[in-house]
């Protein structure tokens, strides 16, 4: 199934755990340190560097971009490292996450409560996934290097629905 960003609620509700999708549109990369800064900004009442409403965050820290490329190897990182930050981000409008691996009970409950969705990308295929990234640019926290927040434009990025908006999960 092909879907485009921003993801509307009807699309999210129609997706089921285990379903393969091909995503096109805008996504943001963010890992541990970027998540920490986002949550600190929220708690301090500061303006965020990206709009969370309906956003999709890809847990990814791309490798250095080759001279002729758009982005370096960009495979998913372990999602559970972001679990302490995720419920607050979902409460603030984050719509979807992309990563690898299972999520905590708290994150699963927050996904269901806020009608979010969690996708997994194919692990071990970071170099292959670069071909689906059409544009890439730093939008926040450039001092974090590969952990900075990048805005990516993707076309037919292959994903699997791991946890759907109703709580269904490929992890049981």
Protein backbone atom coordinates (compact mmCIF):
# COMPACT_ATOMS: atom_id res chain seq x y z
CA UNK A 1 0.00 0.00 0.00
CA UNK A 2 1.33 3.44 -0.92
CA UNK A 3 0.73 6.29 1.53
CA UNK A 4 1.79 9.94 1.65
CA UNK A 5 2.58 12.42 4.39
CA UNK A 6 1.03 14.03 6.24
CA UNK A 7 -0.77 10.95 7.49
CA UNK A 8 -4.42 11.62 8.20
CA UNK A 9 -6.28 9.83 10.96
CA UNK A 10 -8.34 7.74 8.53
CA UNK A 11 -5.18 6.40 6.89
CA UNK A 12 -3.64 5.59 10.25
CA UNK A 13 -6.77 3.81 11.45
CA UNK A 14 -6.81 1.70 8.27
CA UNK A 15 -3.28 0.35 8.77
CA UNK A 16 -2.81 -2.99 10.53
CA UNK A 17 0.19 -4.53 12.26
CA UNK A 18 2.21 -6.59 9.81
CA UNK A 19 1.13 -4.62 6.76
CA UNK A 20 3.85 -3.46 4.35
CA UNK A 21 3.59 0.13 3.16
CA UNK A 22 5.57 2.46 0.91
CA UNK A 23 5.80 5.97 2.35
CA UNK A 24 6.32 9.16 0.35
CA UNK A 25 6.68 12.69 1.70
CA UNK A 26 8.43 14.44 4.56
CA UNK A 27 9.95 12.68 7.57
CA UNK A 28 12.47 13.85 10.19
CA UNK A 29 15.44 11.97 11.59
CA UNK A 30 16.08 12.18 15.33
CA UNK A 31 17.94 10.02 17.80
CA UNK A 32 18.61 10.04 21.54
CA UNK A 33 20.21 13.46 22.01
CA UNK A 34 17.76 15.24 19.70
CA UNK A 35 14.87 13.63 21.59
CA UNK A 36 16.35 14.78 24.89
CA UNK A 37 16.54 18.36 23.59
CA UNK A 38 13.00 18.29 22.22
CA UNK A 39 11.61 17.10 25.56
CA UNK A 40 13.69 19.66 27.48
CA UNK A 41 12.32 22.42 25.22
CA UNK A 42 8.73 21.23 25.76
CA UNK A 43 9.20 21.13 29.53
CA UNK A 44 10.76 24.63 29.47
CA UNK A 45 7.87 25.99 27.38
CA UNK A 46 10.19 26.83 24.47
CA UNK A 47 9.34 26.75 20.78
CA UNK A 48 10.36 23.53 19.04
CA UNK A 49 12.58 23.59 15.95
CA UNK A 50 10.15 21.30 14.09
CA UNK A 51 6.37 21.07 14.09
CA UNK A 52 5.39 17.85 15.88
CA UNK A 53 1.75 17.87 14.81
CA UNK A 54 1.34 14.99 12.38
CA UNK A 55 5.12 14.59 12.06
CA UNK A 56 6.95 11.33 11.45
CA UNK A 57 10.28 10.79 13.19
CA UNK A 58 12.74 8.26 11.84
CA UNK A 59 15.13 6.94 14.47
CA UNK A 60 18.20 7.24 12.30
CA UNK A 61 21.65 8.79 12.42
CA UNK A 62 22.84 8.72 8.82
CA UNK A 63 26.45 8.09 7.94
CA UNK A 64 28.42 10.82 6.20
CA UNK A 65 26.93 11.73 2.83
CA UNK A 66 29.03 10.56 -0.10
CA UNK A 67 30.12 13.22 -2.61
CA UNK A 68 27.58 12.16 -5.22
CA UNK A 69 24.74 11.27 -2.85
CA UNK A 70 21.75 12.79 -1.08
CA UNK A 71 22.43 11.01 2.22
CA UNK A 72 24.78 8.42 3.65
CA UNK A 73 23.70 5.00 4.82
CA UNK A 74 20.47 5.59 6.72
CA UNK A 75 19.27 2.45 8.45
CA UNK A 76 17.04 2.44 11.54
CA UNK A 77 18.40 2.52 15.07
CA UNK A 78 16.96 0.71 18.10
CA UNK A 79 13.71 2.45 18.99
CA UNK A 80 13.56 1.51 22.67
CA UNK A 81 16.28 4.07 23.38
CA UNK A 82 13.70 6.79 22.66
CA UNK A 83 10.95 5.22 24.79
CA UNK A 84 11.35 7.59 27.76
CA UNK A 85 10.72 10.57 25.46
CA UNK A 86 8.05 9.14 23.15
CA UNK A 87 4.81 9.45 25.18
CA UNK A 88 5.30 13.22 25.63
CA UNK A 89 6.06 13.69 21.94
CA UNK A 90 2.95 11.69 20.98
CA UNK A 91 0.90 13.84 23.36
CA UNK A 92 2.24 16.90 21.53
CA UNK A 93 1.08 15.64 18.14
CA UNK A 94 3.77 13.30 16.85
CA UNK A 95 1.90 11.00 14.48
CA UNK A 96 4.36 8.22 13.63
CA UNK A 97 7.76 6.78 14.36
CA UNK A 98 10.10 4.64 12.28
CA UNK A 99 12.78 2.45 13.81
CA UNK A 100 13.57 -1.13 14.67
CA UNK A 101 12.64 -3.39 17.56
CA UNK A 102 9.83 -3.62 20.10
CA UNK A 103 8.58 -0.72 22.23
CA UNK A 104 7.84 -0.43 25.94
CA UNK A 105 4.41 -0.98 27.45
CA UNK A 106 4.16 2.79 28.05
CA UNK A 107 4.89 3.62 24.42
CA UNK A 108 2.42 1.01 23.17
CA UNK A 109 -0.27 2.54 25.40
CA UNK A 110 0.59 6.06 24.19
CA UNK A 111 0.42 4.97 20.54
CA UNK A 112 -3.07 3.62 21.16
CA UNK A 113 -4.19 6.62 23.25
CA UNK A 114 -2.99 9.25 20.75
CA UNK A 115 -3.82 7.24 17.60
CA UNK A 116 -0.22 7.11 16.48
CA UNK A 117 1.60 4.41 14.59
CA UNK A 118 4.99 2.74 14.72
CA UNK A 119 6.70 1.48 11.61
CA UNK A 120 9.83 -0.61 11.33
CA UNK A 121 12.34 -0.18 8.54
CA UNK A 122 14.40 -3.03 7.23
CA UNK A 123 17.43 -3.31 9.53
CA UNK A 124 20.81 -4.00 7.97
CA UNK A 125 19.77 -2.27 4.75
CA UNK A 126 20.94 1.28 5.45
CA UNK A 127 22.85 1.61 2.19
CA UNK A 128 19.87 0.30 0.21
CA UNK A 129 17.43 2.67 1.97
CA UNK A 130 19.37 5.70 0.66
CA UNK A 131 17.84 5.20 -2.78
CA UNK A 132 14.41 6.15 -1.38
CA UNK A 133 15.66 9.48 0.04
CA UNK A 134 15.31 12.24 -2.56
CA UNK A 135 16.30 15.28 -0.44
CA UNK A 136 18.03 15.76 2.89
CA UNK A 137 18.92 18.77 5.00
CA UNK A 138 19.70 19.69 8.61
CA UNK A 139 16.84 21.57 10.30
CA UNK A 140 17.91 21.53 13.97
CA UNK A 141 20.71 20.73 16.40
CA UNK A 142 23.46 20.69 13.79
CA UNK A 143 26.02 20.52 16.58
CA UNK A 144 24.93 16.92 17.18
CA UNK A 145 26.45 15.75 13.91
CA UNK A 146 24.77 12.51 12.80
CA UNK A 147 22.25 12.92 15.64
CA UNK A 148 21.03 16.30 14.34
CA UNK A 149 17.48 16.54 13.08
CA UNK A 150 17.30 16.17 9.32
CA UNK A 151 14.31 16.79 7.10
CA UNK A 152 14.07 14.05 4.51
CA UNK A 153 11.89 13.84 1.43
CA UNK A 154 11.29 10.16 0.70
CA UNK A 155 9.62 8.32 -2.16
CA UNK A 156 8.18 4.82 -1.67
CA UNK A 157 10.25 4.25 1.49
CA UNK A 158 9.56 0.59 2.42
CA UNK A 159 8.17 0.04 5.92
CA UNK A 160 6.19 -2.48 7.96
CA UNK A 161 3.47 -1.48 10.41
CA UNK A 162 4.82 -2.79 13.72
CA UNK A 163 2.28 -1.28 16.16
CA UNK A 164 -0.99 0.07 14.81
CA UNK A 165 -3.32 2.72 16.25
CA UNK A 166 -5.54 0.08 17.85
CA UNK A 167 -2.65 -1.54 19.71
CA UNK A 168 -2.09 -4.45 17.33
CA UNK A 169 1.56 -5.45 17.27
CA UNK A 170 3.85 -7.72 15.30
CA UNK A 171 5.62 -8.37 18.62
CA UNK A 172 2.65 -10.08 20.22
